[in-house]
Amino acid sequence: MAAVETKNDILQLVSFKLGNEEYAVDILKVQEINRMVEITTIPNAPSYVEGVINLRGKVIPVINLRKKFGFESKDMDAHSRIIVVDVGNTIGLIVDSVSEVLRLSSDTVEPPPRMTGNGSADYILGIGKLEDRLLILLDIESLLKDGKDQGYLIEQVQN
């Protein structure tokens, strides 16, 4: 979050889409971007957890961001991707498509709007203003560490 608060910094981001909305995460958190692969389901996992994948011998959990955000379900297609992030643990994020890697001046980032109720503002760093579009900047660590489900998921995968 400090990077967004400091003016004149250049943020390097990976942008992706969920439905018609565009999101971005810090490129330093992204390990790689993969096409969809076979996902093994984990019994009794939270609904937004698709399961686990084998990534070069390492088993990692995969979260469907559409489900995590409460969006309408959508079948995976040729554009769907798994963004592999490192937030202390390696986790895959299913998104509708990956748009681009971009550089954004922190001067063009507004603080997140005040929202009530579900705490979603806790994992939104800000709203980036590009020429003709808005980009929701996610604090991926806060997003993935909220709730008791995450600890269960990591524990299940590690055992």
N, C-alpha and C. Protein backbone atom coordinates (compact mmCIF):
# COMPACT_ATOMS: atom_id res chain seq x y z
N MET A 1 0.82 -1.18 0.00
CA MET A 1 0.00 0.00 0.00
C MET A 1 0.86 1.25 0.00
N ALA A 2 2.03 1.20 0.58
CA ALA A 2 2.91 2.37 0.62
C ALA A 2 3.25 2.85 -0.78
N ALA A 3 3.36 1.92 -1.73
CA ALA A 3 3.70 2.30 -3.11
C ALA A 3 2.62 3.18 -3.72
N VAL A 4 1.36 2.96 -3.35
CA VAL A 4 0.28 3.75 -3.90
C VAL A 4 0.24 5.13 -3.23
N GLU A 5 0.64 5.20 -1.97
CA GLU A 5 0.57 6.47 -1.25
C GLU A 5 1.70 7.42 -1.63
N THR A 6 2.82 6.92 -2.09
CA THR A 6 3.96 7.75 -2.45
C THR A 6 3.76 8.29 -3.87
N LYS A 7 3.73 9.60 -4.00
CA LYS A 7 3.49 10.21 -5.31
C LYS A 7 4.73 10.09 -6.20
N ASN A 8 4.50 10.15 -7.51
CA ASN A 8 5.54 10.10 -8.53
C ASN A 8 6.22 8.74 -8.66
N ASP A 9 5.73 7.72 -8.00
CA ASP A 9 6.26 6.37 -8.20
C ASP A 9 5.62 5.77 -9.44
N ILE A 10 6.34 4.86 -10.07
CA ILE A 10 5.77 4.12 -11.20
C ILE A 10 5.44 2.72 -10.70
N LEU A 11 4.20 2.32 -10.84
CA LEU A 11 3.75 1.00 -10.43
C LEU A 11 3.82 0.08 -11.64
N GLN A 12 4.39 -1.09 -11.47
CA GLN A 12 4.41 -2.09 -12.54
C GLN A 12 3.39 -3.16 -12.18
N LEU A 13 2.43 -3.36 -13.06
CA LEU A 13 1.27 -4.18 -12.76
C LEU A 13 0.98 -5.21 -13.85
N VAL A 14 0.34 -6.28 -13.45
CA VAL A 14 -0.23 -7.24 -14.39
C VAL A 14 -1.73 -7.02 -14.33
N SER A 15 -2.33 -6.71 -15.47
CA SER A 15 -3.78 -6.47 -15.48
C SER A 15 -4.50 -7.68 -16.05
N PHE A 16 -5.72 -7.89 -15.53
CA PHE A 16 -6.54 -9.02 -15.96
C PHE A 16 -8.00 -8.64 -15.87
N LYS A 17 -8.82 -9.45 -16.51
CA LYS A 17 -10.25 -9.17 -16.53
C LYS A 17 -11.04 -10.25 -15.81
N LEU A 18 -12.08 -9.79 -15.15
CA LEU A 18 -13.14 -10.64 -14.60
C LEU A 18 -14.42 -10.00 -15.12
N GLY A 19 -15.08 -10.67 -16.03
CA GLY A 19 -16.23 -10.05 -16.67
C GLY A 19 -15.79 -8.83 -17.44
N ASN A 20 -16.52 -7.72 -17.24
CA ASN A 20 -16.18 -6.47 -17.94
C ASN A 20 -15.23 -5.59 -17.15
N GLU A 21 -14.88 -6.01 -15.95
CA GLU A 21 -14.03 -5.19 -15.09
C GLU A 21 -12.57 -5.57 -15.23
N GLU A 22 -11.70 -4.57 -15.09
CA GLU A 22 -10.27 -4.81 -15.21
C GLU A 22 -9.60 -4.58 -13.86
N TYR A 23 -8.77 -5.52 -13.47
CA TYR A 23 -8.06 -5.51 -12.19
C TYR A 23 -6.56 -5.56 -12.46
N ALA A 24 -5.78 -5.27 -11.42
CA ALA A 24 -4.33 -5.37 -11.56
C ALA A 24 -3.71 -5.75 -10.22
N VAL A 25 -2.58 -6.46 -10.31
CA VAL A 25 -1.79 -6.81 -9.14
C VAL A 25 -0.35 -6.42 -9.41
N ASP A 26 0.39 -6.21 -8.34
CA ASP A 26 1.80 -5.85 -8.42
C ASP A 26 2.56 -6.97 -9.15
N ILE A 27 3.32 -6.60 -10.15
CA ILE A 27 4.05 -7.58 -10.94
C ILE A 27 5.06 -8.38 -10.10
N LEU A 28 5.54 -7.79 -9.01
CA LEU A 28 6.50 -8.48 -8.17
C LEU A 28 5.89 -9.65 -7.41
N LYS A 29 4.56 -9.67 -7.29
CA LYS A 29 3.87 -10.79 -6.63
C LYS A 29 3.58 -11.93 -7.60
N VAL A 30 3.67 -11.65 -8.91
CA VAL A 30 3.32 -12.64 -9.93
C VAL A 30 4.55 -13.46 -10.30
N GLN A 31 4.42 -14.79 -10.16
CA GLN A 31 5.51 -15.69 -10.55
C GLN A 31 5.42 -16.05 -12.02
N GLU A 32 4.19 -16.37 -12.45
CA GLU A 32 3.98 -16.75 -13.85
C GLU A 32 2.50 -16.73 -14.17
N ILE A 33 2.23 -16.82 -15.47
CA ILE A 33 0.85 -16.87 -15.96
C ILE A 33 0.74 -18.10 -16.84
N ASN A 34 -0.24 -18.96 -16.53
CA ASN A 34 -0.39 -20.23 -17.24
C ASN A 34 -1.77 -20.37 -17.86
N ARG A 35 -1.82 -21.16 -18.92
CA ARG A 35 -3.11 -21.57 -19.48
C ARG A 35 -3.76 -22.51 -18.48
N MET A 36 -5.05 -22.74 -18.66
CA MET A 36 -5.76 -23.64 -17.76
C MET A 36 -5.19 -25.05 -17.89
N VAL A 37 -5.08 -25.72 -16.75
CA VAL A 37 -4.64 -27.11 -16.68
C VAL A 37 -5.67 -27.88 -15.85
N GLU A 38 -5.50 -29.19 -15.80
CA GLU A 38 -6.42 -30.00 -15.01
C GLU A 38 -6.26 -29.65 -13.53
N ILE A 39 -7.39 -29.43 -12.87
CA ILE A 39 -7.41 -29.06 -11.46
C ILE A 39 -8.02 -30.20 -10.66
N THR A 40 -7.34 -30.62 -9.60
CA THR A 40 -7.85 -31.67 -8.73
C THR A 40 -8.65 -31.03 -7.60
N THR A 41 -9.88 -31.47 -7.44
CA THR A 41 -10.78 -30.90 -6.44
C THR A 41 -10.38 -31.34 -5.03
N ILE A 42 -10.54 -30.43 -4.08
CA ILE A 42 -10.29 -30.73 -2.67
C ILE A 42 -11.65 -30.81 -1.96
N PRO A 43 -11.94 -31.94 -1.31
CA PRO A 43 -13.23 -32.07 -0.61
C PRO A 43 -13.36 -31.03 0.50
N ASN A 44 -14.57 -30.54 0.69
CA ASN A 44 -14.92 -29.61 1.76
C ASN A 44 -14.18 -28.28 1.72
N ALA A 45 -13.60 -27.93 0.59
CA ALA A 45 -12.93 -26.64 0.46
C ALA A 45 -13.99 -25.55 0.27
N PRO A 46 -13.66 -24.31 0.57
CA PRO A 46 -14.60 -23.21 0.30
C PRO A 46 -15.00 -23.20 -1.18
N SER A 47 -16.17 -22.68 -1.47
CA SER A 47 -16.71 -22.73 -2.84
C SER A 47 -15.82 -22.07 -3.88
N TYR A 48 -15.08 -21.05 -3.50
CA TYR A 48 -14.23 -20.35 -4.47
C TYR A 48 -12.90 -21.06 -4.72
N VAL A 49 -12.61 -22.12 -3.98
CA VAL A 49 -11.38 -22.88 -4.18
C VAL A 49 -11.68 -23.97 -5.21
N GLU A 50 -11.06 -23.86 -6.38
CA GLU A 50 -11.28 -24.84 -7.44
C GLU A 50 -10.59 -26.16 -7.12
N GLY A 51 -9.46 -26.09 -6.42
CA GLY A 51 -8.71 -27.29 -6.07
C GLY A 51 -7.22 -27.00 -6.08
N VAL A 52 -6.45 -27.99 -6.53
CA VAL A 52 -4.99 -27.85 -6.57
C VAL A 52 -4.47 -28.28 -7.94
N ILE A 53 -3.29 -27.76 -8.28
CA ILE A 53 -2.61 -28.18 -9.51
C ILE A 53 -1.18 -28.57 -9.16
N ASN A 54 -0.58 -29.34 -10.05
CA ASN A 54 0.82 -29.72 -9.92
C ASN A 54 1.61 -28.77 -10.81
N LEU A 55 2.41 -27.93 -10.20
CA LEU A 55 3.22 -26.97 -10.94
C LEU A 55 4.67 -27.35 -10.77
N ARG A 56 5.20 -28.05 -11.76
CA ARG A 56 6.59 -28.53 -11.74
C ARG A 56 6.93 -29.25 -10.44
N GLY A 57 6.04 -30.16 -10.04
CA GLY A 57 6.29 -30.97 -8.86
C GLY A 57 5.81 -30.38 -7.55
N LYS A 58 5.33 -29.15 -7.58
CA LYS A 58 4.82 -28.50 -6.38
C LYS A 58 3.30 -28.40 -6.48
N VAL A 59 2.61 -28.84 -5.44
CA VAL A 59 1.15 -28.77 -5.41
C VAL A 59 0.75 -27.41 -4.87
N ILE A 60 -0.04 -26.68 -5.66
CA ILE A 60 -0.48 -25.35 -5.22
C ILE A 60 -2.01 -25.24 -5.31
N PRO A 61 -2.60 -24.52 -4.34
CA PRO A 61 -4.05 -24.29 -4.39
C PRO A 61 -4.41 -23.30 -5.48
N VAL A 62 -5.62 -23.45 -6.01
CA VAL A 62 -6.10 -22.56 -7.06
C VAL A 62 -7.46 -21.99 -6.64
N ILE A 63 -7.54 -20.67 -6.68
CA ILE A 63 -8.75 -19.94 -6.30
C ILE A 63 -9.37 -19.31 -7.53
N ASN A 64 -10.68 -19.43 -7.66
CA ASN A 64 -11.41 -18.80 -8.74
C ASN A 64 -11.81 -17.40 -8.26
N LEU A 65 -11.20 -16.36 -8.82
CA LEU A 65 -11.49 -15.00 -8.35
C LEU A 65 -12.92 -14.58 -8.63
N ARG A 66 -13.53 -15.11 -9.68
CA ARG A 66 -14.95 -14.80 -9.94
C ARG A 66 -15.79 -15.21 -8.74
N LYS A 67 -15.56 -16.45 -8.28
CA LYS A 67 -16.32 -16.96 -7.13
C LYS A 67 -15.94 -16.22 -5.85
N LYS A 68 -14.67 -15.92 -5.67
CA LYS A 68 -14.20 -15.21 -4.47
C LYS A 68 -14.88 -13.85 -4.36
N PHE A 69 -15.08 -13.18 -5.50
CA PHE A 69 -15.72 -11.87 -5.50
C PHE A 69 -17.24 -11.94 -5.55
N GLY A 70 -17.79 -13.15 -5.66
CA GLY A 70 -19.24 -13.30 -5.70
C GLY A 70 -19.85 -12.99 -7.05
N PHE A 71 -19.06 -13.06 -8.13
CA PHE A 71 -19.56 -12.82 -9.47
C PHE A 71 -20.27 -14.06 -9.99
N GLU A 72 -21.05 -13.87 -11.03
CA GLU A 72 -21.73 -14.98 -11.68
C GLU A 72 -20.69 -15.95 -12.25
N SER A 73 -20.95 -17.24 -12.11
CA SER A 73 -20.03 -18.26 -12.62
C SER A 73 -19.93 -18.20 -14.13
N LYS A 74 -18.78 -18.61 -14.63
CA LYS A 74 -18.53 -18.65 -16.07
C LYS A 74 -17.65 -19.85 -16.34
N ASP A 75 -17.95 -20.58 -17.42
CA ASP A 75 -17.10 -21.70 -17.79
C ASP A 75 -15.74 -21.18 -18.24
N MET A 76 -14.71 -21.96 -17.96
CA MET A 76 -13.37 -21.61 -18.42
C MET A 76 -13.36 -21.74 -19.94
N ASP A 77 -12.59 -20.88 -20.58
CA ASP A 77 -12.47 -20.97 -22.04
C ASP A 77 -11.01 -20.78 -22.44
N ALA A 78 -10.77 -20.59 -23.72
CA ALA A 78 -9.40 -20.48 -24.24
C ALA A 78 -8.67 -19.24 -23.70
N HIS A 79 -9.42 -18.25 -23.21
CA HIS A 79 -8.80 -17.02 -22.69
C HIS A 79 -8.50 -17.12 -21.19
N SER A 80 -9.14 -18.06 -20.50
CA SER A 80 -8.94 -18.20 -19.05
C SER A 80 -7.48 -18.50 -18.74
N ARG A 81 -7.02 -17.94 -17.63
CA ARG A 81 -5.63 -18.12 -17.23
C ARG A 81 -5.54 -18.35 -15.73
N ILE A 82 -4.43 -18.94 -15.32
CA ILE A 82 -4.10 -19.07 -13.90
C ILE A 82 -2.90 -18.17 -13.66
N ILE A 83 -3.10 -17.14 -12.85
CA ILE A 83 -1.99 -16.28 -12.46
C ILE A 83 -1.43 -16.86 -11.17
N VAL A 84 -0.17 -17.25 -11.20
CA VAL A 84 0.48 -17.83 -10.03
C VAL A 84 1.16 -16.70 -9.27
N VAL A 85 0.73 -16.51 -8.01
CA VAL A 85 1.27 -15.44 -7.18
C VAL A 85 1.97 -16.02 -5.95
N ASP A 86 2.88 -15.22 -5.42
CA ASP A 86 3.58 -15.60 -4.20
C ASP A 86 3.26 -14.59 -3.13
N VAL A 87 2.54 -15.03 -2.11
CA VAL A 87 2.17 -14.18 -0.98
C VAL A 87 2.60 -14.86 0.32
N GLY A 88 3.80 -15.39 0.31
CA GLY A 88 4.27 -16.20 1.43
C GLY A 88 4.03 -17.67 1.11
N ASN A 89 2.95 -17.96 0.45
CA ASN A 89 2.63 -19.26 -0.12
C ASN A 89 2.35 -19.04 -1.60
N THR A 90 2.58 -20.05 -2.40
CA THR A 90 2.29 -19.94 -3.83
C THR A 90 0.84 -20.35 -4.05
N ILE A 91 0.08 -19.49 -4.74
CA ILE A 91 -1.34 -19.72 -4.96
C ILE A 91 -1.67 -19.34 -6.40
N GLY A 92 -2.56 -20.12 -7.04
CA GLY A 92 -3.02 -19.81 -8.38
C GLY A 92 -4.35 -19.08 -8.33
N LEU A 93 -4.52 -18.11 -9.22
CA LEU A 93 -5.76 -17.34 -9.31
C LEU A 93 -6.34 -17.50 -10.71
N ILE A 94 -7.54 -18.03 -10.80
CA ILE A 94 -8.19 -18.16 -12.11
C ILE A 94 -8.86 -16.84 -12.44
N VAL A 95 -8.52 -16.32 -13.64
CA VAL A 95 -9.11 -15.08 -14.14
C VAL A 95 -9.66 -15.35 -15.55
N ASP A 96 -10.54 -14.47 -16.01
CA ASP A 96 -11.13 -14.64 -17.34
C ASP A 96 -10.10 -14.48 -18.45
N SER A 97 -9.22 -13.51 -18.29
CA SER A 97 -8.15 -13.30 -19.27
C SER A 97 -7.12 -12.36 -18.66
N VAL A 98 -5.90 -12.44 -19.16
CA VAL A 98 -4.84 -11.52 -18.75
C VAL A 98 -4.73 -10.48 -19.86
N SER A 99 -4.74 -9.21 -19.47
CA SER A 99 -4.74 -8.14 -20.46
C SER A 99 -3.34 -7.74 -20.87
N GLU A 100 -2.54 -7.25 -19.90
CA GLU A 100 -1.23 -6.72 -20.25
C GLU A 100 -0.40 -6.48 -19.00
N VAL A 101 0.88 -6.26 -19.22
CA VAL A 101 1.76 -5.75 -18.18
C VAL A 101 1.87 -4.26 -18.45
N LEU A 102 1.65 -3.45 -17.43
CA LEU A 102 1.68 -2.01 -17.67
C LEU A 102 2.36 -1.26 -16.54
N ARG A 103 2.74 -0.05 -16.89
CA ARG A 103 3.36 0.86 -15.92
C ARG A 103 2.36 2.00 -15.71
N LEU A 104 2.14 2.31 -14.44
CA LEU A 104 1.14 3.32 -14.10
C LEU A 104 1.73 4.25 -13.05
N SER A 105 1.65 5.54 -13.29
CA SER A 105 2.14 6.51 -12.32
C SER A 105 1.22 6.51 -11.11
N SER A 106 1.79 6.52 -9.91
CA SER A 106 0.97 6.53 -8.70
C SER A 106 0.13 7.80 -8.60
N ASP A 107 0.51 8.85 -9.35
CA ASP A 107 -0.29 10.08 -9.38
C ASP A 107 -1.68 9.85 -9.98
N THR A 108 -1.82 8.80 -10.78
CA THR A 108 -3.10 8.53 -11.44
C THR A 108 -3.97 7.55 -10.64
N VAL A 109 -3.53 7.21 -9.43
CA VAL A 109 -4.28 6.26 -8.60
C VAL A 109 -5.04 7.02 -7.51
N GLU A 110 -6.34 6.79 -7.48
CA GLU A 110 -7.20 7.37 -6.44
C GLU A 110 -7.39 6.35 -5.33
N PRO A 111 -7.61 6.79 -4.10
CA PRO A 111 -7.89 5.84 -3.02
C PRO A 111 -9.19 5.09 -3.32
N PRO A 112 -9.34 3.90 -2.74
CA PRO A 112 -10.57 3.14 -2.99
C PRO A 112 -11.78 3.87 -2.42
N PRO A 113 -12.93 3.73 -3.06
CA PRO A 113 -14.13 4.37 -2.53
C PRO A 113 -14.51 3.72 -1.20
N ARG A 114 -15.09 4.49 -0.31
CA ARG A 114 -15.54 3.95 0.97
C ARG A 114 -16.74 3.06 0.72
N MET A 115 -16.64 1.82 1.17
CA MET A 115 -17.75 0.88 1.02
C MET A 115 -18.12 0.38 2.40
N THR A 116 -19.37 0.00 2.54
CA THR A 116 -19.81 -0.50 3.84
C THR A 116 -20.18 -1.96 3.71
N GLY A 117 -20.12 -2.65 4.83
CA GLY A 117 -20.63 -4.01 4.86
C GLY A 117 -19.59 -5.08 4.72
N ASN A 118 -19.25 -5.47 3.49
CA ASN A 118 -18.49 -6.70 3.28
C ASN A 118 -16.98 -6.56 3.40
N GLY A 119 -16.45 -5.38 3.63
CA GLY A 119 -15.01 -5.22 3.82
C GLY A 119 -14.20 -5.35 2.55
N SER A 120 -14.83 -5.25 1.39
CA SER A 120 -14.10 -5.43 0.14
C SER A 120 -13.05 -4.34 -0.08
N ALA A 121 -13.24 -3.17 0.53
CA ALA A 121 -12.25 -2.09 0.38
C ALA A 121 -10.93 -2.46 1.04
N ASP A 122 -10.94 -3.44 1.93
CA ASP A 122 -9.72 -3.85 2.62
C ASP A 122 -8.68 -4.40 1.65
N TYR A 123 -9.10 -4.95 0.54
CA TYR A 123 -8.13 -5.51 -0.40
C TYR A 123 -8.09 -4.75 -1.72
N ILE A 124 -8.64 -3.56 -1.75
CA ILE A 124 -8.50 -2.69 -2.91
C ILE A 124 -7.54 -1.56 -2.54
N LEU A 125 -6.40 -1.51 -3.21
CA LEU A 125 -5.40 -0.48 -2.94
C LEU A 125 -5.83 0.87 -3.49
N GLY A 126 -6.50 0.84 -4.63
CA GLY A 126 -6.91 2.08 -5.25
C GLY A 126 -7.50 1.82 -6.62
N ILE A 127 -7.88 2.90 -7.27
CA ILE A 127 -8.44 2.83 -8.62
C ILE A 127 -7.51 3.62 -9.54
N GLY A 128 -6.91 2.90 -10.49
CA GLY A 128 -6.02 3.54 -11.45
C GLY A 128 -6.82 4.12 -12.60
N LYS A 129 -6.49 5.34 -12.99
CA LYS A 129 -7.17 6.01 -14.10
C LYS A 129 -6.27 5.97 -15.32
N LEU A 130 -6.72 5.24 -16.32
CA LEU A 130 -6.03 5.22 -17.60
C LEU A 130 -6.84 6.08 -18.55
N GLU A 131 -6.40 6.20 -19.79
CA GLU A 131 -7.07 7.11 -20.73
C GLU A 131 -8.59 6.99 -20.73
N ASP A 132 -9.10 5.81 -21.05
CA ASP A 132 -10.54 5.65 -21.15
C ASP A 132 -11.06 4.48 -20.31
N ARG A 133 -10.29 4.11 -19.29
CA ARG A 133 -10.72 2.98 -18.47
C ARG A 133 -10.22 3.13 -17.03
N LEU A 134 -10.87 2.40 -16.15
CA LEU A 134 -10.49 2.36 -14.74
C LEU A 134 -9.94 0.98 -14.44
N LEU A 135 -8.96 0.94 -13.57
CA LEU A 135 -8.26 -0.29 -13.23
C LEU A 135 -8.30 -0.43 -11.71
N ILE A 136 -8.86 -1.53 -11.21
CA ILE A 136 -8.95 -1.76 -9.77
C ILE A 136 -7.67 -2.45 -9.32
N LEU A 137 -6.89 -1.77 -8.47
CA LEU A 137 -5.63 -2.32 -7.98
C LEU A 137 -5.89 -3.14 -6.72
N LEU A 138 -5.53 -4.41 -6.77
CA LEU A 138 -5.79 -5.32 -5.65
C LEU A 138 -4.57 -5.48 -4.76
N ASP A 139 -4.81 -5.53 -3.47
CA ASP A 139 -3.79 -5.93 -2.51
C ASP A 139 -3.96 -7.44 -2.37
N ILE A 140 -3.22 -8.17 -3.16
CA ILE A 140 -3.40 -9.61 -3.28
C ILE A 140 -3.14 -10.32 -1.95
N GLU A 141 -2.21 -9.81 -1.15
CA GLU A 141 -1.94 -10.43 0.15
C GLU A 141 -3.16 -10.32 1.07
N SER A 142 -3.76 -9.15 1.16
CA SER A 142 -4.96 -8.98 2.00
C SER A 142 -6.10 -9.82 1.48
N LEU A 143 -6.26 -9.86 0.17
CA LEU A 143 -7.34 -10.64 -0.43
C LEU A 143 -7.22 -12.12 -0.09
N LEU A 144 -6.01 -12.66 -0.17
CA LEU A 144 -5.83 -14.09 0.05
C LEU A 144 -5.67 -14.46 1.51
N LYS A 145 -5.41 -13.50 2.37
CA LYS A 145 -5.25 -13.83 3.79
C LYS A 145 -6.49 -13.53 4.60
N ASP A 146 -7.55 -13.03 3.96
CA ASP A 146 -8.76 -12.77 4.73
C ASP A 146 -9.53 -14.07 4.93
N GLY A 147 -10.16 -14.18 6.05
CA GLY A 147 -11.01 -15.34 6.32
C GLY A 147 -10.26 -16.55 6.83
N LYS A 148 -11.00 -17.42 7.48
CA LYS A 148 -10.41 -18.62 8.08
C LYS A 148 -10.18 -19.71 7.04
N ASP A 149 -10.81 -19.63 5.87
CA ASP A 149 -10.70 -20.69 4.85
C ASP A 149 -9.27 -20.84 4.35
N GLN A 150 -8.55 -19.73 4.23
CA GLN A 150 -7.23 -19.78 3.64
C GLN A 150 -6.28 -20.66 4.44
N GLY A 151 -6.30 -20.52 5.76
CA GLY A 151 -5.45 -21.35 6.60
C GLY A 151 -5.76 -22.82 6.40
N TYR A 152 -7.03 -23.15 6.33
CA TYR A 152 -7.45 -24.53 6.09
C TYR A 152 -6.90 -25.04 4.77
N LEU A 153 -7.03 -24.22 3.75
CA LEU A 153 -6.59 -24.62 2.42
C LEU A 153 -5.09 -24.90 2.38
N ILE A 154 -4.30 -23.99 2.89
CA ILE A 154 -2.85 -24.16 2.89
C ILE A 154 -2.47 -25.40 3.69
N GLU A 155 -3.12 -25.57 4.83
CA GLU A 155 -2.84 -26.72 5.70
C GLU A 155 -3.14 -28.02 4.98
N GLN A 156 -4.27 -28.10 4.26
CA GLN A 156 -4.67 -29.31 3.55
C GLN A 156 -3.67 -29.65 2.45
N VAL A 157 -3.22 -28.64 1.74
CA VAL A 157 -2.29 -28.87 0.64
C VAL A 157 -0.94 -29.32 1.15
N GLN A 158 -0.50 -28.75 2.27
CA GLN A 158 0.81 -29.08 2.79
C GLN A 158 0.87 -30.47 3.43
N ASN A 159 -0.27 -30.99 3.86
CA ASN A 159 -0.30 -32.30 4.53
C ASN A 159 -0.42 -33.45 3.58
